[in-house]
Amino acid sequence: MTDEEMELYLEAGRIARRIIDEGAAMICPGRSLLEVVESVEARILESGAEIAFPLNVSLNADAAHDTAAAGDDRVFAGGDLVKLDMGVAIEGRIADTALTVDLGDHAALVEASSAALDRAIAAVRPGVTAGEIGAVIQTEIEGRGFLPVANLTGHGLAPYQIHTAPTIPNVGISGGAVLEEGMAIAIEPFATTGSGRVSDSPRIEIYQQTAVKPVRLPSAKRILASVRERRGMPFSRRWLDQNRLDLALSTLVKNGIFYGYPVLHDVPGSFVSQAEHTMIVTADGAIVTTA
């Protein structure tokens, strides 16, 4: 990684840290979810950066991939556990960070994911395996009386790509990728009071273009043109022309051009917390860009 590329990652991280804290401060009972999402995304663009992916706002048993819909009338309520997951990009270099806002009495659960992240970061260095990082996360969360979410993982980052190798599990596994100096990675422990596994819900608000193919449907062509500048980074259904949108999206998904990210949730009545930082692996540890 060059010095110039490192500075892009660091600047993206500084912007992400500031704006996610501002977003967290906006969350309170009665506040509109859509208002928070639109405000945070606008602040990213006003900073001169790009939105690497739509702001994820996932409530309670939902762990990831939710965001506001167009005209969303949901409001935050007392007792909610709110995950904010943000991506900021500068020239494609991404800062991916998340935190949990507690509107109830979930402090111990919030601390479990946060402490697991701190322990994982302390373990990062060249030569350490992803499985060893996962074991550190699992031990910390289980030691606090909760379960890690076994089928959600951290990941590598590359220009304009939010999920690349290596995969960083939240549970101990044998082996796994070996961390190398210069890698950009995001580690994101999830702690849950539920089953320790998430499944797909029917709700899909976030999409990503995964292939380039011709389409005939005019509304599908319009959507493809509108997301071309994303260069493969995810986008929100809310950002698109709403005219004939359902038909266009279903056509693009069916043809393998778009992938839709279902909201991921644990069992009903459970609560999930999340913490995440982006970092660059260095010779003797890691530089956390989003701290």
Protein backbone atom coordinates (compact mmCIF):
# COMPACT_ATOMS: atom_id res chain seq x y z
CA MET A 1 0.00 0.00 0.00
CA THR A 2 1.40 3.38 -1.02
CA ASP A 3 1.51 6.41 1.24
CA GLU A 4 -1.05 8.09 -1.03
CA GLU A 5 -3.46 5.17 -0.74
CA MET A 6 -2.97 5.04 3.02
CA GLU A 7 -3.92 8.72 3.29
CA LEU A 8 -7.13 8.09 1.33
CA TYR A 9 -8.10 5.33 3.77
CA LEU A 10 -7.25 7.56 6.73
CA GLU A 11 -9.24 10.51 5.41
CA ALA A 12 -12.26 8.31 4.69
CA GLY A 13 -11.96 7.00 8.23
CA ARG A 14 -11.81 10.47 9.78
CA ILE A 15 -14.97 11.49 7.93
CA ALA A 16 -16.77 8.28 8.86
CA ARG A 17 -15.88 8.62 12.55
CA ARG A 18 -17.17 12.17 12.76
CA ILE A 19 -20.40 11.58 10.88
CA ILE A 20 -21.38 8.29 12.50
CA ASP A 21 -21.04 9.97 15.91
CA GLU A 22 -23.25 12.81 14.67
CA GLY A 23 -25.79 10.27 13.42
CA ALA A 24 -25.79 8.39 16.70
CA ALA A 25 -26.48 11.63 18.58
CA MET A 26 -29.61 12.18 16.47
CA ILE A 27 -31.25 8.91 17.53
CA CYS A 28 -33.89 9.26 20.23
CA PRO A 29 -37.43 8.02 20.83
CA GLY A 30 -39.87 9.65 18.42
CA ARG A 31 -37.21 10.62 15.85
CA SER A 32 -37.88 9.56 12.26
CA LEU A 33 -35.62 6.80 10.94
CA LEU A 34 -35.82 8.30 7.44
CA GLU A 35 -34.78 11.72 8.76
CA VAL A 36 -31.67 10.28 10.39
CA VAL A 37 -30.69 8.26 7.31
CA GLU A 38 -31.13 11.13 4.88
CA SER A 39 -29.29 13.56 7.15
CA VAL A 40 -26.31 11.23 7.63
CA GLU A 41 -26.04 10.38 3.94
CA ALA A 42 -26.25 14.09 3.05
CA ARG A 43 -23.42 14.86 5.48
CA ILE A 44 -21.20 12.27 3.79
CA LEU A 45 -21.74 13.90 0.40
CA GLU A 46 -21.27 17.39 1.86
CA SER A 47 -17.87 16.28 3.18
CA GLY A 48 -16.73 15.62 -0.39
CA ALA A 49 -16.73 11.84 0.02
CA GLU A 50 -18.91 9.16 -1.55
CA ILE A 51 -21.45 6.95 0.18
CA ALA A 52 -19.86 3.49 -0.02
CA PHE A 53 -23.18 1.86 0.81
CA PRO A 54 -26.55 3.10 2.11
CA LEU A 55 -26.56 3.86 5.81
CA ASN A 56 -27.69 0.66 7.53
CA VAL A 57 -30.09 1.21 10.42
CA SER A 58 -31.09 -2.15 11.87
CA LEU A 59 -33.35 -2.46 14.92
CA ASN A 60 -33.45 -4.98 17.75
CA ALA A 61 -33.42 -8.55 16.32
CA ASP A 62 -32.39 -7.23 12.90
CA ALA A 63 -28.62 -7.41 12.62
CA ALA A 64 -27.79 -5.88 9.23
CA HIS A 65 -28.85 -4.61 5.80
CA ASP A 66 -31.85 -2.51 6.75
CA THR A 67 -32.16 1.11 5.69
CA ALA A 68 -34.97 3.60 5.26
CA ALA A 69 -37.41 3.10 2.42
CA ALA A 70 -38.83 5.97 0.38
CA GLY A 71 -41.54 7.50 2.55
CA ASP A 72 -40.55 5.32 5.53
CA ASP A 73 -42.76 6.22 8.49
CA ARG A 74 -40.88 4.29 11.18
CA VAL A 75 -39.73 6.14 14.30
CA PHE A 76 -37.32 5.07 17.00
CA ALA A 77 -38.93 3.93 20.26
CA GLY A 78 -37.83 3.57 23.85
CA GLY A 79 -36.25 0.16 24.35
CA ASP A 80 -34.87 -0.07 20.80
CA LEU A 81 -31.36 -1.29 20.11
CA VAL A 82 -30.18 0.51 16.98
CA LYS A 83 -27.24 -0.55 14.82
CA LEU A 84 -25.71 2.15 12.59
CA ASP A 85 -23.38 0.77 9.90
CA MET A 86 -21.78 3.37 7.62
CA GLY A 87 -19.52 3.30 4.58
CA VAL A 88 -17.53 6.30 3.35
CA ALA A 89 -15.36 6.20 0.23
CA ILE A 90 -12.70 8.52 -1.15
CA GLU A 91 -11.47 7.54 -4.61
CA GLY A 92 -12.89 4.11 -3.84
CA ARG A 93 -10.95 3.63 -0.59
CA ILE A 94 -13.55 2.69 1.98
CA ALA A 95 -14.04 3.28 5.67
CA ASP A 96 -16.60 0.83 7.06
CA THR A 97 -17.65 1.40 10.65
CA ALA A 98 -20.57 0.58 12.92
CA LEU A 99 -21.84 1.23 16.42
CA THR A 100 -24.90 0.46 18.49
CA VAL A 101 -27.19 3.02 20.10
CA ASP A 102 -29.06 1.76 23.17
CA LEU A 103 -32.50 3.27 23.78
CA GLY A 104 -33.26 0.68 26.45
CA ASP A 105 -31.39 -1.37 29.02
CA HIS A 106 -29.00 -3.27 26.76
CA ALA A 107 -25.69 -1.84 28.02
CA ALA A 108 -24.09 -5.23 28.70
CA LEU A 109 -24.93 -6.47 25.20
CA VAL A 110 -23.57 -3.31 23.59
CA GLU A 111 -20.37 -3.63 25.61
CA ALA A 112 -19.98 -7.28 24.53
CA SER A 113 -19.60 -6.45 20.84
CA SER A 114 -17.49 -3.36 21.57
CA ALA A 115 -15.10 -5.20 23.88
CA ALA A 116 -14.82 -8.06 21.39
CA LEU A 117 -13.81 -5.56 18.71
CA ASP A 118 -11.14 -4.05 20.96
CA ARG A 119 -9.75 -7.49 21.76
CA ALA A 120 -9.74 -8.47 18.08
CA ILE A 121 -7.91 -5.30 17.04
CA ALA A 122 -5.26 -5.95 19.70
CA ALA A 123 -4.68 -9.39 18.16
CA VAL A 124 -4.20 -8.15 14.59
CA ARG A 125 -0.71 -8.47 13.12
CA PRO A 126 0.88 -10.18 10.12
CA GLY A 127 0.87 -13.96 10.42
CA VAL A 128 -2.25 -14.19 12.59
CA THR A 129 -5.03 -16.26 11.04
CA ALA A 130 -8.61 -15.16 10.62
CA GLY A 131 -9.62 -18.14 12.72
CA GLU A 132 -7.54 -16.87 15.63
CA ILE A 133 -9.24 -13.48 15.41
CA GLY A 134 -12.61 -15.21 15.42
CA ALA A 135 -11.68 -17.17 18.53
CA VAL A 136 -10.81 -13.96 20.37
CA ILE A 137 -14.19 -12.47 19.43
CA GLN A 138 -16.09 -15.61 20.45
CA THR A 139 -14.32 -15.90 23.79
CA GLU A 140 -15.01 -12.28 24.71
CA ILE A 141 -18.70 -12.36 23.79
CA GLU A 142 -19.44 -15.74 25.34
CA GLY A 143 -17.57 -14.73 28.47
CA ARG A 144 -20.10 -11.95 28.91
CA GLY A 145 -23.07 -14.31 28.65
CA PHE A 146 -24.07 -13.73 25.02
CA LEU A 147 -23.53 -15.46 21.68
CA PRO A 148 -21.54 -14.23 18.71
CA VAL A 149 -23.43 -14.30 15.41
CA ALA A 150 -21.66 -17.18 13.70
CA ASN A 151 -22.82 -16.55 10.14
CA LEU A 152 -21.85 -12.87 9.96
CA THR A 153 -18.23 -11.95 9.35
CA GLY A 154 -15.74 -9.17 8.92
CA HIS A 155 -14.07 -8.79 5.55
CA GLY A 156 -11.36 -7.30 3.43
CA LEU A 157 -11.71 -4.02 1.56
CA ALA A 158 -10.45 -3.06 -1.89
CA PRO A 159 -11.02 -0.03 -4.14
CA TYR A 160 -14.78 0.26 -4.70
CA GLN A 161 -15.29 -3.18 -3.14
CA ILE A 162 -16.74 -3.54 0.36
CA HIS A 163 -16.49 -7.32 0.70
CA THR A 164 -13.26 -9.00 -0.40
CA ALA A 165 -10.89 -11.54 1.06
CA PRO A 166 -10.02 -12.17 3.80
CA THR A 167 -13.16 -13.24 5.64
CA ILE A 168 -12.88 -12.56 9.39
CA PRO A 169 -15.24 -14.85 11.34
CA ASN A 170 -16.89 -14.00 14.64
CA VAL A 171 -16.22 -17.50 15.98
CA GLY A 172 -13.08 -19.56 16.24
CA ILE A 173 -12.29 -21.75 13.24
CA SER A 174 -9.33 -23.84 12.24
CA GLY A 175 -7.00 -21.83 10.03
CA GLY A 176 -8.52 -19.25 7.75
CA ALA A 177 -6.74 -16.54 5.81
CA VAL A 178 -3.40 -15.33 7.14
CA LEU A 179 -3.25 -11.57 7.73
CA GLU A 180 -0.57 -9.74 5.76
CA GLU A 181 0.97 -6.32 6.08
CA GLY A 182 -0.88 -3.76 3.95
CA MET A 183 -4.27 -5.48 4.05
CA ALA A 184 -7.31 -3.26 4.56
CA ILE A 185 -9.83 -5.12 6.70
CA ALA A 186 -13.03 -4.46 8.63
CA ILE A 187 -13.71 -6.46 11.79
CA GLU A 188 -17.33 -6.41 13.00
CA PRO A 189 -18.38 -8.50 15.99
CA PHE A 190 -22.09 -9.07 16.51
CA ALA A 191 -23.36 -10.18 19.93
CA THR A 192 -26.87 -11.54 20.40
CA THR A 193 -29.33 -12.68 23.04
CA GLY A 194 -30.85 -14.99 20.44
CA SER A 195 -29.76 -18.09 18.53
CA GLY A 196 -26.36 -16.93 17.33
CA ARG A 197 -27.36 -17.20 13.68
CA VAL A 198 -29.21 -14.83 11.37
CA SER A 199 -31.57 -15.60 8.51
CA ASP A 200 -33.06 -13.65 5.61
CA SER A 201 -36.20 -11.61 6.09
CA PRO A 202 -38.45 -10.68 3.13
CA ARG A 203 -37.46 -7.00 3.34
CA ILE A 204 -34.90 -5.84 0.75
CA GLU A 205 -33.91 -2.18 0.49
CA ILE A 206 -30.25 -2.45 -0.59
CA TYR A 207 -29.02 -3.69 -3.96
CA GLN A 208 -25.72 -4.03 -5.79
CA GLN A 209 -24.88 -4.41 -9.45
CA THR A 210 -22.94 -7.65 -9.89
CA ALA A 211 -22.89 -8.13 -13.67
CA VAL A 212 -23.10 -6.21 -16.95
CA LYS A 213 -25.69 -7.58 -19.37
CA PRO A 214 -28.07 -6.05 -21.91
CA VAL A 215 -31.70 -5.47 -20.92
CA ARG A 216 -34.71 -4.45 -23.01
CA LEU A 217 -37.06 -3.05 -20.37
CA PRO A 218 -36.86 0.79 -20.52
CA SER A 219 -37.29 1.24 -16.75
CA ALA A 220 -34.49 -1.27 -16.12
CA LYS A 221 -32.24 0.61 -18.55
CA ARG A 222 -32.92 3.85 -16.66
CA ILE A 223 -31.96 2.28 -13.36
CA LEU A 224 -28.78 0.81 -14.81
CA ALA A 225 -27.80 4.24 -16.10
CA SER A 226 -28.50 5.84 -12.72
CA VAL A 227 -26.26 3.42 -10.77
CA ARG A 228 -23.39 3.24 -13.27
CA GLU A 229 -21.39 5.84 -11.35
CA ARG A 230 -21.54 3.60 -8.25
CA ARG A 231 -18.88 1.37 -9.87
CA GLY A 232 -20.37 -1.68 -8.21
CA MET A 233 -20.88 -0.20 -4.74
CA PRO A 234 -24.29 -0.93 -3.15
CA PHE A 235 -27.19 1.49 -3.41
CA SER A 236 -30.59 2.04 -1.86
CA ARG A 237 -33.92 1.37 -3.51
CA ARG A 238 -34.86 4.78 -2.04
CA TRP A 239 -32.31 6.49 -4.32
CA LEU A 240 -33.95 5.23 -7.52
CA ASP A 241 -36.71 6.57 -9.77
CA GLN A 242 -39.79 5.07 -8.14
CA ASN A 243 -41.72 4.86 -11.45
CA ARG A 244 -42.26 1.17 -12.36
CA LEU A 245 -39.49 0.34 -9.92
CA ASP A 246 -40.73 -3.06 -8.74
CA LEU A 247 -40.84 -4.47 -12.27
CA ALA A 248 -37.42 -3.04 -13.13
CA LEU A 249 -35.73 -4.38 -10.00
CA SER A 250 -37.27 -7.83 -10.31
CA THR A 251 -36.11 -8.00 -13.93
CA LEU A 252 -32.57 -6.97 -13.06
CA VAL A 253 -32.37 -9.43 -10.16
CA LYS A 254 -33.86 -12.27 -12.22
CA ASN A 255 -31.29 -11.65 -14.97
CA GLY A 256 -28.43 -11.80 -12.48
CA ILE A 257 -27.48 -8.14 -12.96
CA PHE A 258 -28.49 -6.95 -9.48
CA TYR A 259 -28.23 -8.69 -6.13
CA GLY A 260 -30.61 -7.74 -3.35
CA TYR A 261 -29.46 -7.82 0.28
CA PRO A 262 -32.25 -9.15 2.54
CA VAL A 263 -32.45 -7.72 6.04
CA LEU A 264 -30.74 -10.27 8.30
CA HIS A 265 -32.37 -11.06 11.63
CA ASP A 266 -32.05 -13.35 14.62
CA VAL A 267 -35.09 -14.96 16.26
CA PRO A 268 -38.06 -12.72 17.16
CA GLY A 269 -37.72 -11.06 20.55
CA SER A 270 -33.93 -11.20 20.56
CA PHE A 271 -31.52 -8.26 20.48
CA VAL A 272 -28.32 -7.93 18.45
CA SER A 273 -25.48 -5.44 18.99
CA GLN A 274 -22.69 -4.58 16.56
CA ALA A 275 -19.34 -2.79 16.61
CA GLU A 276 -17.01 -2.31 13.65
CA HIS A 277 -13.78 -0.60 12.65
CA THR A 278 -11.70 -0.49 9.49
CA MET A 279 -7.95 -0.96 9.84
CA ILE A 280 -4.76 -1.39 7.87
CA VAL A 281 -2.55 -4.29 8.93
CA THR A 282 0.97 -3.02 9.72
CA ALA A 283 4.25 -4.75 10.53
CA ASP A 284 3.53 -4.66 14.26
CA GLY A 285 -0.25 -4.44 14.55
CA ALA A 286 -2.90 -2.27 12.90
CA ILE A 287 -3.74 1.34 12.17
CA VAL A 288 -7.45 1.80 12.88
CA THR A 289 -8.74 4.31 10.35
CA THR A 290 -12.20 4.80 11.89
CA ALA A 291 -11.21 5.22 15.56
